[in-house]
Amino acid sequence: MSVKISAADVKKLRETTGAGMMDCKKALVEAEGDFDKAIEILRKKGQKIAAKRADRESTEGVAITKISDDNTYGVAIVLACETDFVAKNDSFKELAQEFVDIAFNHNTKEEFLAADFGGMTVAEKLIEQTGVIGEKIDITSFEKIEAPYVGAYTHVGKIAAMVGLTAAVDNAAELTKDLAMQAASMGAVSLSYKDFDPAYVASETEARIAAIIKDNEELARLGKTLKNVPQFVSRLQLTDEAMAEAEKEAKEQLKAEGKPEQIWDKILPGKIERFISDNTTLDQEQCLLDQKFIKDEKKTVAEYVSSYGDVEVKNFVRVTLG
């Protein structure tokens, strides 16, 4: 004898699992009205779908942060899916919020995935929701930072960044928001050039110079102005000897141009500044403190931070889709 499944039963199962109305009804019929068994049926369905979609790319989704009430620590995650259509769905955004609330209480992605989510683990919830939604759902980023003051910025739910300061100075909220916005928009991967591995810098120097030389061959063929070929790409390479040599060459250039020696002191600082700018392109692209400040490109991010007094950037993280 078939069990009568009420609309209220279907509604309750849908609210519990997030599955579609027809899927819930089918699960209840198969389970002969047993609510817990119906949940298990839906879960197994999710596992099958998740296995089939395991090799799919989940490059859309939601980047989201949560900061403690005292602004001393924060977490950022990316809940990823396959399509922008799912990412824009309110229920998906609500799920991301539920996940970040749980992530907030854990220190690593592994701990977070093993954490409880309504009687199942977060990892199991992801599999369940893959079955419900029909797309691969995954946590592709998990970052947490601590500092005397932490602030965040999220760009249209696609990129999120958090920045930690060494002190909770006046207007720290404004400073961290600006810095997080800088990190989100300009894609810094390191705080300072001092954090670079010398071997990485050497590799980048060779690759970048080779690329410019190749570009110049084409520009020369077209009769266009050639690009400047730098000697270096990072301040890490600008030793005292390198700077002394740069100053020597600048003086020789001024002498060759017939500039009176009495005015060299006025011209040299500008030439040295230009030399540093031309030979630190890696820092300007990848190091947060060495980038031009997006709200005022006349100063670097480090110079902007110094305007807030006795404070430095302790750390930062950035998460993004894809």
C-alpha atoms as a PDB file:
ATOM      1  CA  MET A   1       0.000   0.000   0.000  1.00  0.00           C
ATOM      2  CA  SER A   2       1.448   3.354  -1.047  1.00  0.00           C
ATOM      3  CA  VAL A   3       2.027   6.006   1.612  1.00  0.00           C
ATOM      4  CA  LYS A   4       0.306   9.327   1.103  1.00  0.00           C
ATOM      5  CA  ILE A   5       2.829  12.137   0.904  1.00  0.00           C
ATOM      6  CA  SER A   6       1.474  15.508   1.983  1.00  0.00           C
ATOM      7  CA  ALA A   7       2.513  18.869   0.595  1.00  0.00           C
ATOM      8  CA  ALA A   8       3.625  19.783   4.126  1.00  0.00           C
ATOM      9  CA  ASP A   9       6.013  16.803   4.196  1.00  0.00           C
ATOM     10  CA  VAL A  10       7.511  17.816   0.859  1.00  0.00           C
ATOM     11  CA  LYS A  11       7.872  21.422   2.011  1.00  0.00           C
ATOM     12  CA  LYS A  12       9.595  20.351   5.238  1.00  0.00           C
ATOM     13  CA  LEU A  13      12.083  18.144   3.350  1.00  0.00           C
ATOM     14  CA  ARG A  14      12.789  20.922   0.859  1.00  0.00           C
ATOM     15  CA  GLU A  15      13.479  23.413   3.658  1.00  0.00           C
ATOM     16  CA  THR A  16      15.785  20.909   5.356  1.00  0.00           C
ATOM     17  CA  THR A  17      17.810  19.897   2.295  1.00  0.00           C
ATOM     18  CA  GLY A  18      17.319  22.678  -0.245  1.00  0.00           C
ATOM     19  CA  ALA A  19      16.402  20.074  -2.880  1.00  0.00           C
ATOM     20  CA  GLY A  20      13.740  20.725  -5.508  1.00  0.00           C
ATOM     21  CA  MET A  21      10.082  20.000  -4.810  1.00  0.00           C
ATOM     22  CA  MET A  22       9.871  17.050  -7.235  1.00  0.00           C
ATOM     23  CA  ASP A  23      13.128  15.536  -5.937  1.00  0.00           C
ATOM     24  CA  CYS A  24      11.812  15.784  -2.377  1.00  0.00           C
ATOM     25  CA  LYS A  25       8.512  14.174  -3.309  1.00  0.00           C
ATOM     26  CA  LYS A  26      10.256  11.315  -5.145  1.00  0.00           C
ATOM     27  CA  ALA A  27      12.578  10.749  -2.174  1.00  0.00           C
ATOM     28  CA  LEU A  28       9.651  10.632   0.267  1.00  0.00           C
ATOM     29  CA  VAL A  29       7.759   8.196  -1.957  1.00  0.00           C
ATOM     30  CA  GLU A  30      10.842   5.962  -2.240  1.00  0.00           C
ATOM     31  CA  ALA A  31      11.328   6.171   1.527  1.00  0.00           C
ATOM     32  CA  GLU A  32       7.645   5.394   2.109  1.00  0.00           C
ATOM     33  CA  GLY A  33       7.237   8.579   4.093  1.00  0.00           C
ATOM     34  CA  ASP A  34      10.283   8.055   6.328  1.00  0.00           C
ATOM     35  CA  PHE A  35      11.751  11.560   6.638  1.00  0.00           C
ATOM     36  CA  ASP A  36      15.289  10.534   7.694  1.00  0.00           C
ATOM     37  CA  LYS A  37      15.451   7.879   4.980  1.00  0.00           C
ATOM     38  CA  ALA A  38      14.355  10.479   2.407  1.00  0.00           C
ATOM     39  CA  ILE A  39      17.216  12.732   3.495  1.00  0.00           C
ATOM     40  CA  GLU A  40      19.655   9.831   3.057  1.00  0.00           C
ATOM     41  CA  ILE A  41      18.250   9.113  -0.423  1.00  0.00           C
ATOM     42  CA  LEU A  42      18.800  12.726  -1.451  1.00  0.00           C
ATOM     43  CA  ARG A  43      22.296  12.643   0.032  1.00  0.00           C
ATOM     44  CA  LYS A  44      23.233   9.547  -1.966  1.00  0.00           C
ATOM     45  CA  LYS A  45      21.856  11.189  -5.092  1.00  0.00           C
ATOM     46  CA  GLY A  46      24.111  14.155  -4.371  1.00  0.00           C
ATOM     47  CA  GLN A  47      27.130  11.860  -4.020  1.00  0.00           C
ATOM     48  CA  LYS A  48      26.451  10.289  -7.419  1.00  0.00           C
ATOM     49  CA  ILE A  49      26.088  13.674  -9.109  1.00  0.00           C
ATOM     50  CA  ALA A  50      29.200  14.970  -7.320  1.00  0.00           C
ATOM     51  CA  ALA A  51      31.211  11.976  -8.566  1.00  0.00           C
ATOM     52  CA  LYS A  52      30.067  12.584 -12.146  1.00  0.00           C
ATOM     53  CA  ARG A  53      30.973  16.292 -11.972  1.00  0.00           C
ATOM     54  CA  ALA A  54      34.232  15.922 -10.038  1.00  0.00           C
ATOM     55  CA  ASP A  55      36.342  16.896 -13.046  1.00  0.00           C
ATOM     56  CA  ARG A  56      34.255  19.964 -13.878  1.00  0.00           C
ATOM     57  CA  GLU A  57      35.740  23.439 -13.364  1.00  0.00           C
ATOM     58  CA  SER A  58      33.989  25.564 -10.760  1.00  0.00           C
ATOM     59  CA  THR A  59      35.145  29.042 -11.766  1.00  0.00           C
ATOM     60  CA  GLU A  60      32.092  31.057 -10.713  1.00  0.00           C
ATOM     61  CA  GLY A  61      30.755  31.579  -7.210  1.00  0.00           C
ATOM     62  CA  VAL A  62      30.905  33.956  -4.261  1.00  0.00           C
ATOM     63  CA  ALA A  63      33.891  35.437  -2.411  1.00  0.00           C
ATOM     64  CA  ILE A  64      32.927  36.439   1.122  1.00  0.00           C
ATOM     65  CA  THR A  65      34.599  37.583   4.361  1.00  0.00           C
ATOM     66  CA  LYS A  66      33.741  37.766   8.038  1.00  0.00           C
ATOM     67  CA  ILE A  67      35.582  40.001  10.538  1.00  0.00           C
ATOM     68  CA  SER A  68      35.432  39.659  14.329  1.00  0.00           C
ATOM     69  CA  ASP A  69      33.527  42.301  16.301  1.00  0.00           C
ATOM     70  CA  ASP A  70      36.797  43.578  17.760  1.00  0.00           C
ATOM     71  CA  ASN A  71      38.465  43.633  14.321  1.00  0.00           C
ATOM     72  CA  THR A  72      41.368  41.422  15.402  1.00  0.00           C
ATOM     73  CA  TYR A  73      40.855  38.503  13.035  1.00  0.00           C
ATOM     74  CA  GLY A  74      38.906  37.545   9.948  1.00  0.00           C
ATOM     75  CA  VAL A  75      38.256  34.777   7.460  1.00  0.00           C
ATOM     76  CA  ALA A  76      37.733  34.825   3.698  1.00  0.00           C
ATOM     77  CA  ILE A  77      36.384  31.969   1.596  1.00  0.00           C
ATOM     78  CA  VAL A  78      35.254  31.307  -1.955  1.00  0.00           C
ATOM     79  CA  LEU A  79      32.197  29.110  -2.429  1.00  0.00           C
ATOM     80  CA  ALA A  80      32.573  28.086  -6.063  1.00  0.00           C
ATOM     81  CA  CYS A  81      30.109  26.758  -8.625  1.00  0.00           C
ATOM     82  CA  GLU A  82      30.119  26.213 -12.386  1.00  0.00           C
ATOM     83  CA  THR A  83      27.865  29.015 -13.675  1.00  0.00           C
ATOM     84  CA  ASP A  84      27.171  32.659 -12.989  1.00  0.00           C
ATOM     85  CA  PHE A  85      23.442  31.831 -12.986  1.00  0.00           C
ATOM     86  CA  VAL A  86      23.824  29.732  -9.810  1.00  0.00           C
ATOM     87  CA  ALA A  87      26.260  32.218  -8.225  1.00  0.00           C
ATOM     88  CA  LYS A  88      23.672  35.009  -8.474  1.00  0.00           C
ATOM     89  CA  ASN A  89      20.943  32.941  -6.821  1.00  0.00           C
ATOM     90  CA  ASP A  90      19.940  34.239  -3.380  1.00  0.00           C
ATOM     91  CA  SER A  91      19.901  30.755  -1.860  1.00  0.00           C
ATOM     92  CA  PHE A  92      23.491  30.205  -3.036  1.00  0.00           C
ATOM     93  CA  LYS A  93      24.561  33.505  -1.454  1.00  0.00           C
ATOM     94  CA  GLU A  94      22.801  32.488   1.773  1.00  0.00           C
ATOM     95  CA  LEU A  95      24.669  29.182   1.691  1.00  0.00           C
ATOM     96  CA  ALA A  96      27.960  31.080   1.312  1.00  0.00           C
ATOM     97  CA  GLN A  97      27.051  33.151   4.375  1.00  0.00           C
ATOM     98  CA  GLU A  98      26.316  30.006   6.377  1.00  0.00           C
ATOM     99  CA  PHE A  99      29.648  28.541   5.338  1.00  0.00           C
ATOM    100  CA  VAL A 100      31.678  31.636   6.253  1.00  0.00           C
ATOM    101  CA  ASP A 101      29.953  31.759   9.656  1.00  0.00           C
ATOM    102  CA  ILE A 102      31.265  28.247  10.292  1.00  0.00           C
ATOM    103  CA  ALA A 103      34.677  28.937   8.746  1.00  0.00           C
ATOM    104  CA  PHE A 104      35.056  31.866  11.126  1.00  0.00           C
ATOM    105  CA  ASN A 105      35.512  29.443  14.031  1.00  0.00           C
ATOM    106  CA  HIS A 106      38.221  27.301  12.405  1.00  0.00           C
ATOM    107  CA  ASN A 107      41.889  27.870  11.626  1.00  0.00           C
ATOM    108  CA  THR A 108      42.410  25.693   8.551  1.00  0.00           C
ATOM    109  CA  LYS A 109      40.455  24.574   5.520  1.00  0.00           C
ATOM    110  CA  GLU A 110      40.743  20.968   6.690  1.00  0.00           C
ATOM    111  CA  GLU A 111      39.181  21.807  10.085  1.00  0.00           C
ATOM    112  CA  PHE A 112      36.460  23.795   8.355  1.00  0.00           C
ATOM    113  CA  LEU A 113      35.534  21.002   5.928  1.00  0.00           C
ATOM    114  CA  ALA A 114      35.292  18.562   8.837  1.00  0.00           C
ATOM    115  CA  ALA A 115      33.116  20.930  10.914  1.00  0.00           C
ATOM    116  CA  ASP A 116      29.448  20.267  11.670  1.00  0.00           C
ATOM    117  CA  PHE A 117      26.763  21.626   9.371  1.00  0.00           C
ATOM    118  CA  GLY A 118      23.356  20.609  10.690  1.00  0.00           C
ATOM    119  CA  GLY A 119      24.251  17.013  11.476  1.00  0.00           C
ATOM    120  CA  MET A 120      26.678  16.484   8.580  1.00  0.00           C
ATOM    121  CA  THR A 121      30.145  17.829   7.829  1.00  0.00           C
ATOM    122  CA  VAL A 122      30.750  20.871   5.641  1.00  0.00           C
ATOM    123  CA  ALA A 123      32.327  18.534   3.063  1.00  0.00           C
ATOM    124  CA  GLU A 124      29.188  16.403   3.050  1.00  0.00           C
ATOM    125  CA  LYS A 125      27.025  19.503   2.719  1.00  0.00           C
ATOM    126  CA  LEU A 126      28.983  20.486  -0.377  1.00  0.00           C
ATOM    127  CA  ILE A 127      28.287  17.065  -1.905  1.00  0.00           C
ATOM    128  CA  GLU A 128      24.621  17.302  -0.962  1.00  0.00           C
ATOM    129  CA  GLN A 129      24.299  20.729  -2.543  1.00  0.00           C
ATOM    130  CA  THR A 130      26.062  19.503  -5.687  1.00  0.00           C
ATOM    131  CA  GLY A 131      23.181  17.041  -6.028  1.00  0.00           C
ATOM    132  CA  VAL A 132      20.570  19.684  -5.203  1.00  0.00           C
ATOM    133  CA  ILE A 133      21.918  22.322  -7.575  1.00  0.00           C
ATOM    134  CA  GLY A 134      23.267  20.002 -10.273  1.00  0.00           C
ATOM    135  CA  GLU A 135      26.631  21.776 -10.438  1.00  0.00           C
ATOM    136  CA  LYS A 136      29.979  21.115  -8.785  1.00  0.00           C
ATOM    137  CA  ILE A 137      30.039  23.088  -5.534  1.00  0.00           C
ATOM    138  CA  ASP A 138      33.350  23.513  -3.747  1.00  0.00           C
ATOM    139  CA  ILE A 139      35.333  25.657  -1.308  1.00  0.00           C
ATOM    140  CA  THR A 140      38.225  26.774  -3.498  1.00  0.00           C
ATOM    141  CA  SER A 141      39.770  29.301  -1.084  1.00  0.00           C
ATOM    142  CA  PHE A 142      40.077  29.571   2.696  1.00  0.00           C
ATOM    143  CA  GLU A 143      42.215  32.292   4.265  1.00  0.00           C
ATOM    144  CA  LYS A 144      42.406  33.604   7.820  1.00  0.00           C
ATOM    145  CA  ILE A 145      44.464  36.429   9.321  1.00  0.00           C
ATOM    146  CA  GLU A 146      44.992  37.928  12.777  1.00  0.00           C
ATOM    147  CA  ALA A 147      46.355  41.369  13.661  1.00  0.00           C
ATOM    148  CA  PRO A 148      45.780  44.229  16.135  1.00  0.00           C
ATOM    149  CA  TYR A 149      43.330  45.559  13.533  1.00  0.00           C
ATOM    150  CA  VAL A 150      41.818  43.715  10.562  1.00  0.00           C
ATOM    151  CA  GLY A 151      39.595  45.178   7.852  1.00  0.00           C
ATOM    152  CA  ALA A 152      38.177  43.865   4.587  1.00  0.00           C
ATOM    153  CA  TYR A 153      36.782  44.755   1.187  1.00  0.00           C
ATOM    154  CA  THR A 154      34.793  42.638  -1.254  1.00  0.00           C
ATOM    155  CA  HIS A 155      34.397  43.559  -4.921  1.00  0.00           C
ATOM    156  CA  VAL A 156      30.958  42.542  -6.243  1.00  0.00           C
ATOM    157  CA  GLY A 157      31.230  39.151  -4.553  1.00  0.00           C
ATOM    158  CA  LYS A 158      33.998  38.105  -6.967  1.00  0.00           C
ATOM    159  CA  ILE A 159      37.177  39.172  -5.155  1.00  0.00           C
ATOM    160  CA  ALA A 160      37.707  39.615  -1.421  1.00  0.00           C
ATOM    161  CA  ALA A 161      40.709  40.897   0.511  1.00  0.00           C
ATOM    162  CA  MET A 162      41.588  41.362   4.179  1.00  0.00           C
ATOM    163  CA  VAL A 163      44.375  43.523   5.584  1.00  0.00           C
ATOM    164  CA  GLY A 164      45.913  43.454   9.058  1.00  0.00           C
ATOM    165  CA  LEU A 165      47.579  46.454  10.713  1.00  0.00           C
ATOM    166  CA  THR A 166      50.197  46.511  13.468  1.00  0.00           C
ATOM    167  CA  ALA A 167      48.075  48.933  15.508  1.00  0.00           C
ATOM    168  CA  ALA A 168      44.462  50.077  15.769  1.00  0.00           C
ATOM    169  CA  VAL A 169      45.230  53.691  14.854  1.00  0.00           C
ATOM    170  CA  ASP A 170      42.648  56.416  14.319  1.00  0.00           C
ATOM    171  CA  ASN A 171      40.650  55.820  11.129  1.00  0.00           C
ATOM    172  CA  ALA A 172      41.975  52.254  10.888  1.00  0.00           C
ATOM    173  CA  ALA A 173      38.689  51.200   9.248  1.00  0.00           C
ATOM    174  CA  GLU A 174      39.237  53.653   6.402  1.00  0.00           C
ATOM    175  CA  LEU A 175      42.893  52.642   6.010  1.00  0.00           C
ATOM    176  CA  THR A 176      42.217  48.896   5.905  1.00  0.00           C
ATOM    177  CA  LYS A 177      39.327  49.337   3.490  1.00  0.00           C
ATOM    178  CA  ASP A 178      41.532  51.332   1.119  1.00  0.00           C
ATOM    179  CA  LEU A 179      44.340  48.787   1.409  1.00  0.00           C
ATOM    180  CA  ALA A 180      42.001  45.826   0.918  1.00  0.00           C
ATOM    181  CA  MET A 181      40.517  47.586  -2.112  1.00  0.00           C
ATOM    182  CA  GLN A 182      44.060  48.043  -3.443  1.00  0.00           C
ATOM    183  CA  ALA A 183      44.847  44.364  -2.917  1.00  0.00           C
ATOM    184  CA  ALA A 184      41.585  43.270  -4.511  1.00  0.00           C
ATOM    185  CA  SER A 185      41.897  45.454  -7.595  1.00  0.00           C
ATOM    186  CA  MET A 186      45.646  45.336  -8.259  1.00  0.00           C
ATOM    187  CA  GLY A 187      46.272  41.674  -7.445  1.00  0.00           C
ATOM    188  CA  ALA A 188      49.305  41.930  -5.167  1.00  0.00           C
ATOM    189  CA  VAL A 189      50.737  38.551  -4.172  1.00  0.00           C
ATOM    190  CA  SER A 190      53.359  39.729  -1.671  1.00  0.00           C
ATOM    191  CA  LEU A 191      53.542  42.449   0.966  1.00  0.00           C
ATOM    192  CA  SER A 192      57.021  43.719   0.070  1.00  0.00           C
ATOM    193  CA  TYR A 193      59.918  43.018  -2.267  1.00  0.00           C
ATOM    194  CA  LYS A 194      61.775  41.881   0.859  1.00  0.00           C
ATOM    195  CA  ASP A 195      59.605  38.746   0.822  1.00  0.00           C
ATOM    196  CA  PHE A 196      60.789  37.666  -2.640  1.00  0.00           C
ATOM    197  CA  ASP A 197      62.979  34.607  -3.183  1.00  0.00           C
ATOM    198  CA  PRO A 198      66.184  35.811  -4.943  1.00  0.00           C
ATOM    199  CA  ALA A 199      65.932  32.866  -7.354  1.00  0.00           C
ATOM    200  CA  TYR A 200      62.419  33.982  -8.359  1.00  0.00           C
ATOM    201  CA  VAL A 201      63.632  37.541  -8.947  1.00  0.00           C
ATOM    202  CA  ALA A 202      66.526  36.291 -11.066  1.00  0.00           C
ATOM    203  CA  SER A 203      64.154  34.173 -13.154  1.00  0.00           C
ATOM    204  CA  GLU A 204      61.738  37.071 -13.632  1.00  0.00           C
ATOM    205  CA  THR A 205      64.593  39.400 -14.604  1.00  0.00           C
ATOM    206  CA  GLU A 206      65.722  37.090 -17.369  1.00  0.00           C
ATOM    207  CA  ALA A 207      62.188  36.491 -18.654  1.00  0.00           C
ATOM    208  CA  ARG A 208      61.131  40.144 -18.590  1.00  0.00           C
ATOM    209  CA  ILE A 209      64.259  41.443 -20.296  1.00  0.00           C
ATOM    210  CA  ALA A 210      63.941  38.761 -22.990  1.00  0.00           C
ATOM    211  CA  ALA A 211      60.305  39.757 -23.579  1.00  0.00           C
ATOM    212  CA  ILE A 212      61.209  43.458 -23.937  1.00  0.00           C
ATOM    213  CA  ILE A 213      64.040  42.681 -26.342  1.00  0.00           C
ATOM    214  CA  LYS A 214      61.656  40.628 -28.463  1.00  0.00           C
ATOM    215  CA  ASP A 215      59.078  43.444 -28.419  1.00  0.00           C
ATOM    216  CA  ASN A 216      61.763  45.921 -29.459  1.00  0.00           C
ATOM    217  CA  GLU A 217      62.635  43.834 -32.498  1.00  0.00           C
ATOM    218  CA  GLU A 218      59.069  44.228 -33.734  1.00  0.00           C
ATOM    219  CA  LEU A 219      58.948  47.933 -32.787  1.00  0.00           C
ATOM    220  CA  ALA A 220      62.198  48.529 -34.677  1.00  0.00           C
ATOM    221  CA  ARG A 221      60.764  46.778 -37.728  1.00  0.00           C
ATOM    222  CA  LEU A 222      57.764  49.107 -37.569  1.00  0.00           C
ATOM    223  CA  GLY A 223      59.927  52.182 -37.027  1.00  0.00           C
ATOM    224  CA  LYS A 224      58.411  52.871 -33.598  1.00  0.00           C
ATOM    225  CA  THR A 225      60.022  54.048 -30.347  1.00  0.00           C
ATOM    226  CA  LEU A 226      61.772  51.219 -28.532  1.00  0.00           C
ATOM    227  CA  LYS A 227      61.006  50.244 -24.942  1.00  0.00           C
ATOM    228  CA  ASN A 228      63.583  50.832 -22.218  1.00  0.00           C
ATOM    229  CA  VAL A 229      65.463  47.636 -21.352  1.00  0.00           C
ATOM    230  CA  PRO A 230      66.017  47.581 -17.578  1.00  0.00           C
ATOM    231  CA  GLN A 231      68.988  46.059 -15.800  1.00  0.00           C
ATOM    232  CA  PHE A 232      66.878  44.912 -12.873  1.00  0.00           C
ATOM    233  CA  VAL A 233      63.229  44.309 -11.898  1.00  0.00           C
ATOM    234  CA  SER A 234      63.223  44.573  -8.091  1.00  0.00           C
ATOM    235  CA  ARG A 235      64.650  46.658  -5.255  1.00  0.00           C
ATOM    236  CA  LEU A 236      66.047  43.386  -3.977  1.00  0.00           C
ATOM    237  CA  GLN A 237      68.663  43.777  -6.722  1.00  0.00           C
ATOM    238  CA  LEU A 238      69.392  47.466  -6.098  1.00  0.00           C
ATOM    239  CA  THR A 239      72.446  47.028  -3.906  1.00  0.00           C
ATOM    240  CA  ASP A 240      74.667  49.924  -2.805  1.00  0.00           C
ATOM    241  CA  GLU A 241      77.003  49.017  -5.655  1.00  0.00           C
ATOM    242  CA  ALA A 242      74.162  49.057  -8.212  1.00  0.00           C
ATOM    243  CA  MET A 243      72.938  52.447  -6.985  1.00  0.00           C
ATOM    244  CA  ALA A 244      76.462  53.880  -6.998  1.00  0.00           C
ATOM    245  CA  GLU A 245      76.900  52.706 -10.587  1.00  0.00           C
ATOM    246  CA  ALA A 246      73.532  54.237 -11.554  1.00  0.00           C
ATOM    247  CA  GLU A 247      74.576  57.583 -10.053  1.00  0.00           C
ATOM    248  CA  LYS A 248      77.938  57.418 -11.839  1.00  0.00           C
ATOM    249  CA  GLU A 249      76.231  56.794 -15.191  1.00  0.00           C
ATOM    250  CA  ALA A 250      73.758  59.620 -14.545  1.00  0.00           C
ATOM    251  CA  LYS A 251      76.615  62.045 -13.886  1.00  0.00           C
ATOM    252  CA  GLU A 252      78.410  60.902 -17.037  1.00  0.00           C
ATOM    253  CA  GLN A 253      75.203  61.514 -18.991  1.00  0.00           C
ATOM    254  CA  LEU A 254      74.841  65.020 -17.548  1.00  0.00           C
ATOM    255  CA  LYS A 255      78.465  65.763 -18.403  1.00  0.00           C
ATOM    256  CA  ALA A 256      77.977  64.505 -21.961  1.00  0.00           C
ATOM    257  CA  GLU A 257      74.894  66.736 -22.282  1.00  0.00           C
ATOM    258  CA  GLY A 258      76.971  69.732 -21.214  1.00  0.00           C
ATOM    259  CA  LYS A 259      74.971  70.427 -18.065  1.00  0.00           C
ATOM    260  CA  PRO A 260      76.853  72.719 -15.603  1.00  0.00           C
ATOM    261  CA  GLU A 261      78.159  70.705 -12.647  1.00  0.00           C
ATOM    262  CA  GLN A 262      76.693  73.303 -10.269  1.00  0.00           C
ATOM    263  CA  ILE A 263      73.115  72.144 -11.092  1.00  0.00           C
ATOM    264  CA  TRP A 264      73.712  68.392 -11.047  1.00  0.00           C
ATOM    265  CA  ASP A 265      72.457  68.124  -7.463  1.00  0.00           C
ATOM    266  CA  LYS A 266      69.074  69.414  -8.638  1.00  0.00           C
ATOM    267  CA  ILE A 267      68.842  67.008 -11.562  1.00  0.00           C
ATOM    268  CA  LEU A 268      70.339  63.836 -10.075  1.00  0.00           C
ATOM    269  CA  PRO A 269      67.506  63.000  -7.605  1.00  0.00           C
ATOM    270  CA  GLY A 270      65.007  62.904 -10.463  1.00  0.00           C
ATOM    271  CA  LYS A 271      67.255  60.670 -12.571  1.00  0.00           C
ATOM    272  CA  ILE A 272      67.845  58.278  -9.671  1.00  0.00           C
ATOM    273  CA  GLU A 273      64.109  58.166  -8.958  1.00  0.00           C
ATOM    274  CA  ARG A 274      63.483  57.323 -12.615  1.00  0.00           C
ATOM    275  CA  PHE A 275      66.163  54.618 -12.491  1.00  0.00           C
ATOM    276  CA  ILE A 276      64.499  53.034  -9.462  1.00  0.00           C
ATOM    277  CA  SER A 277      61.079  53.184 -11.121  1.00  0.00           C
ATOM    278  CA  ASP A 278      62.358  51.624 -14.353  1.00  0.00           C
ATOM    279  CA  ASN A 279      64.148  48.847 -12.480  1.00  0.00           C
ATOM    280  CA  THR A 280      61.477  47.783  -9.974  1.00  0.00           C
ATOM    281  CA  THR A 281      58.605  46.741 -12.256  1.00  0.00           C
ATOM    282  CA  LEU A 282      58.210  43.376 -10.493  1.00  0.00           C
ATOM    283  CA  ASP A 283      57.715  45.109  -7.132  1.00  0.00           C
ATOM    284  CA  GLN A 284      55.226  47.565  -8.593  1.00  0.00           C
ATOM    285  CA  GLU A 285      53.143  44.739 -10.042  1.00  0.00           C
ATOM    286  CA  GLN A 286      53.259  42.170  -7.258  1.00  0.00           C
ATOM    287  CA  CYS A 287      54.070  43.877  -3.927  1.00  0.00           C
ATOM    288  CA  LEU A 288      51.266  45.669  -2.110  1.00  0.00           C
ATOM    289  CA  LEU A 289      53.438  48.290  -0.396  1.00  0.00           C
ATOM    290  CA  ASP A 290      55.417  49.042  -3.565  1.00  0.00           C
ATOM    291  CA  GLN A 291      52.418  49.580  -5.835  1.00  0.00           C
ATOM    292  CA  LYS A 292      51.131  53.003  -6.826  1.00  0.00           C
ATOM    293  CA  PHE A 293      48.173  53.868  -4.588  1.00  0.00           C
ATOM    294  CA  ILE A 294      45.023  53.593  -6.713  1.00  0.00           C
ATOM    295  CA  LYS A 295      43.434  56.695  -5.168  1.00  0.00           C
ATOM    296  CA  ASP A 296      46.551  58.833  -5.634  1.00  0.00           C
ATOM    297  CA  GLU A 297      49.178  57.504  -8.032  1.00  0.00           C
ATOM    298  CA  LYS A 298      51.650  60.201  -6.997  1.00  0.00           C
ATOM    299  CA  LYS A 299      52.410  58.122  -3.907  1.00  0.00           C
ATOM    300  CA  THR A 300      53.079  54.463  -3.193  1.00  0.00           C
ATOM    301  CA  VAL A 301      50.905  52.391  -0.899  1.00  0.00           C
ATOM    302  CA  ALA A 302      53.701  52.479   1.709  1.00  0.00           C
ATOM    303  CA  GLU A 303      53.686  56.278   1.601  1.00  0.00           C
ATOM    304  CA  TYR A 304      49.908  56.317   1.996  1.00  0.00           C
ATOM    305  CA  VAL A 305      50.132  54.031   5.044  1.00  0.00           C
ATOM    306  CA  SER A 306      52.766  56.289   6.635  1.00  0.00           C
ATOM    307  CA  SER A 307      50.309  59.198   6.531  1.00  0.00           C
ATOM    308  CA  TYR A 308      48.324  57.444   9.279  1.00  0.00           C
ATOM    309  CA  GLY A 309      51.164  57.688  11.797  1.00  0.00           C
ATOM    310  CA  ASP A 310      52.901  54.914  13.698  1.00  0.00           C
ATOM    311  CA  VAL A 311      51.390  51.908  11.924  1.00  0.00           C
ATOM    312  CA  GLU A 312      52.453  49.312   9.363  1.00  0.00           C
ATOM    313  CA  VAL A 313      50.755  46.595   7.348  1.00  0.00           C
ATOM    314  CA  LYS A 314      51.255  43.291   9.163  1.00  0.00           C
ATOM    315  CA  ASN A 315      49.658  40.960   6.639  1.00  0.00           C
ATOM    316  CA  PHE A 316      47.032  40.630   3.923  1.00  0.00           C
ATOM    317  CA  VAL A 317      45.190  37.929   1.989  1.00  0.00           C
ATOM    318  CA  ARG A 318      43.245  37.942  -1.262  1.00  0.00           C
ATOM    319  CA  VAL A 319      40.787  35.372  -2.592  1.00  0.00           C
ATOM    320  CA  THR A 320      39.141  35.327  -5.993  1.00  0.00           C
ATOM    321  CA  LEU A 321      37.056  33.170  -8.296  1.00  0.00           C
ATOM    322  CA  GLY A 322      38.673  30.882 -10.829  1.00  0.00           C
END
